[in-house]
Amino acid sequence: MIGDSLGGLRLPAIAAPAATYGVGQGDPCFLFGYEVPFSAQKMQERYRTPKEYVSAVNKSANELVQQKWLRPAAVNVLVTEAKTAAF
């Protein structure tokens, strides 16, 4: 566990995370939350290689396409973004 919420629709950013997301208690930005990107070391511990991370994002996105929560064109956008993750 990395502290992200459980349940609900698991978008690729949560199903195959590259960061921890949350909201601050009493923070004026509580509506927007925050993102703390994983270090390169944490990414390597979690996914071993960039290819493994991209594969996890691709799998998550395609599952959402099959469930009709995501449009097929979004898969390419998410995978392209995943290829830029810090390793």
C-alpha atoms as a PDB file:
ATOM      1  CA  MET A   1       0.000   0.000   0.000  1.00  0.00           C
ATOM      2  CA  ILE A   2       1.143   3.494  -0.791  1.00  0.00           C
ATOM      3  CA  GLY A   3      -1.667   5.394   0.856  1.00  0.00           C
ATOM      4  CA  ASP A   4      -3.981   5.855  -2.131  1.00  0.00           C
ATOM      5  CA  SER A   5      -7.724   5.426  -1.691  1.00  0.00           C
ATOM      6  CA  LEU A   6      -9.301   2.027  -2.180  1.00  0.00           C
ATOM      7  CA  GLY A   7     -12.381   1.171  -4.215  1.00  0.00           C
ATOM      8  CA  GLY A   8     -14.100   3.022  -7.013  1.00  0.00           C
ATOM      9  CA  LEU A   9     -12.997   3.311 -10.612  1.00  0.00           C
ATOM     10  CA  ARG A  10      -9.292   2.485 -10.791  1.00  0.00           C
ATOM     11  CA  LEU A  11      -7.822   4.661 -13.521  1.00  0.00           C
ATOM     12  CA  PRO A  12      -4.322   3.714 -14.741  1.00  0.00           C
ATOM     13  CA  ALA A  13      -2.757   6.457 -12.586  1.00  0.00           C
ATOM     14  CA  ILE A  14      -4.032   4.552  -9.531  1.00  0.00           C
ATOM     15  CA  ALA A  15      -3.920   0.961 -10.821  1.00  0.00           C
ATOM     16  CA  ALA A  16      -0.318   1.401 -12.059  1.00  0.00           C
ATOM     17  CA  PRO A  17       0.869   4.380 -10.018  1.00  0.00           C
ATOM     18  CA  ALA A  18       3.954   6.488 -10.570  1.00  0.00           C
ATOM     19  CA  ALA A  19       3.032   8.756  -7.650  1.00  0.00           C
ATOM     20  CA  THR A  20       1.096   8.955  -4.413  1.00  0.00           C
ATOM     21  CA  TYR A  21      -2.050  11.076  -4.518  1.00  0.00           C
ATOM     22  CA  GLY A  22      -3.986  12.594  -1.664  1.00  0.00           C
ATOM     23  CA  VAL A  23      -5.733  15.562  -0.142  1.00  0.00           C
ATOM     24  CA  GLY A  24      -4.478  17.730   2.673  1.00  0.00           C
ATOM     25  CA  GLN A  25      -6.411  18.035   5.895  1.00  0.00           C
ATOM     26  CA  GLY A  26      -7.459  21.648   6.383  1.00  0.00           C
ATOM     27  CA  ASP A  27      -5.517  22.627   3.286  1.00  0.00           C
ATOM     28  CA  PRO A  28      -7.171  25.323   1.146  1.00  0.00           C
ATOM     29  CA  CYS A  29      -6.381  23.144  -1.900  1.00  0.00           C
ATOM     30  CA  PHE A  30      -8.322  20.151  -0.546  1.00  0.00           C
ATOM     31  CA  LEU A  31     -10.511  20.162  -3.652  1.00  0.00           C
ATOM     32  CA  PHE A  32      -7.527  19.596  -5.903  1.00  0.00           C
ATOM     33  CA  GLY A  33      -5.313  17.363  -3.795  1.00  0.00           C
ATOM     34  CA  TYR A  34      -1.645  16.697  -4.334  1.00  0.00           C
ATOM     35  CA  GLU A  35       0.683  14.368  -6.207  1.00  0.00           C
ATOM     36  CA  VAL A  36       4.065  13.159  -4.953  1.00  0.00           C
ATOM     37  CA  PRO A  37       5.914  11.445  -7.825  1.00  0.00           C
ATOM     38  CA  PHE A  38       7.837   8.266  -7.004  1.00  0.00           C
ATOM     39  CA  SER A  39      11.606   8.479  -7.062  1.00  0.00           C
ATOM     40  CA  ALA A  40      13.461   6.511  -9.728  1.00  0.00           C
ATOM     41  CA  GLN A  41      14.432   4.028  -7.003  1.00  0.00           C
ATOM     42  CA  LYS A  42      10.797   3.482  -5.970  1.00  0.00           C
ATOM     43  CA  MET A  43       9.760   3.020  -9.618  1.00  0.00           C
ATOM     44  CA  GLN A  44      12.478   0.378 -10.051  1.00  0.00           C
ATOM     45  CA  GLU A  45      11.426  -1.390  -6.845  1.00  0.00           C
ATOM     46  CA  ARG A  46       7.790  -1.449  -7.986  1.00  0.00           C
ATOM     47  CA  TYR A  47       8.182  -2.232 -11.689  1.00  0.00           C
ATOM     48  CA  ARG A  48      11.840  -3.271 -12.194  1.00  0.00           C
ATOM     49  CA  THR A  49      11.980  -1.816 -15.733  1.00  0.00           C
ATOM     50  CA  PRO A  50      10.325   1.007 -17.672  1.00  0.00           C
ATOM     51  CA  LYS A  51       8.838  -1.633 -19.995  1.00  0.00           C
ATOM     52  CA  GLU A  52       7.111  -3.310 -17.025  1.00  0.00           C
ATOM     53  CA  TYR A  53       5.581   0.003 -15.952  1.00  0.00           C
ATOM     54  CA  VAL A  54       4.346   0.798 -19.464  1.00  0.00           C
ATOM     55  CA  SER A  55       2.888  -2.708 -19.667  1.00  0.00           C
ATOM     56  CA  ALA A  56       1.003  -2.190 -16.377  1.00  0.00           C
ATOM     57  CA  VAL A  57      -0.453   1.107 -17.633  1.00  0.00           C
ATOM     58  CA  ASN A  58      -1.409  -0.482 -20.962  1.00  0.00           C
ATOM     59  CA  LYS A  59      -3.103  -3.424 -19.213  1.00  0.00           C
ATOM     60  CA  SER A  60      -5.075  -1.141 -16.894  1.00  0.00           C
ATOM     61  CA  ALA A  61      -6.159   1.167 -19.719  1.00  0.00           C
ATOM     62  CA  ASN A  62      -7.260  -1.716 -21.947  1.00  0.00           C
ATOM     63  CA  GLU A  63      -9.286  -3.244 -19.120  1.00  0.00           C
ATOM     64  CA  LEU A  64     -11.132   0.072 -18.781  1.00  0.00           C
ATOM     65  CA  VAL A  65     -11.759   0.142 -22.545  1.00  0.00           C
ATOM     66  CA  GLN A  66     -13.283  -3.339 -22.304  1.00  0.00           C
ATOM     67  CA  GLN A  67     -15.501  -2.143 -19.445  1.00  0.00           C
ATOM     68  CA  LYS A  68     -16.452   0.936 -21.502  1.00  0.00           C
ATOM     69  CA  TRP A  69     -15.056   3.407 -18.964  1.00  0.00           C
ATOM     70  CA  LEU A  70     -12.335   4.641 -21.330  1.00  0.00           C
ATOM     71  CA  ARG A  71     -12.209   5.348 -25.052  1.00  0.00           C
ATOM     72  CA  PRO A  72      -9.701   3.324 -27.101  1.00  0.00           C
ATOM     73  CA  ALA A  73      -7.876   6.475 -28.255  1.00  0.00           C
ATOM     74  CA  ALA A  74      -7.019   7.271 -24.635  1.00  0.00           C
ATOM     75  CA  VAL A  75      -4.875   4.129 -24.362  1.00  0.00           C
ATOM     76  CA  ASN A  76      -2.230   5.585 -26.699  1.00  0.00           C
ATOM     77  CA  VAL A  77      -2.194   8.865 -24.770  1.00  0.00           C
ATOM     78  CA  LEU A  78      -1.746   7.084 -21.427  1.00  0.00           C
ATOM     79  CA  VAL A  79       0.933   4.713 -22.754  1.00  0.00           C
ATOM     80  CA  THR A  80       2.856   7.588 -24.350  1.00  0.00           C
ATOM     81  CA  GLU A  81       2.743   9.458 -21.047  1.00  0.00           C
ATOM     82  CA  ALA A  82       3.886   6.344 -19.169  1.00  0.00           C
ATOM     83  CA  LYS A  83       6.965   6.114 -21.394  1.00  0.00           C
ATOM     84  CA  THR A  84       8.164   9.438 -19.938  1.00  0.00           C
ATOM     85  CA  ALA A  85       8.094   8.224 -16.306  1.00  0.00           C
ATOM     86  CA  ALA A  86      11.253   8.671 -14.240  1.00  0.00           C
ATOM     87  CA  PHE A  87      13.390   5.529 -14.001  1.00  0.00           C
END
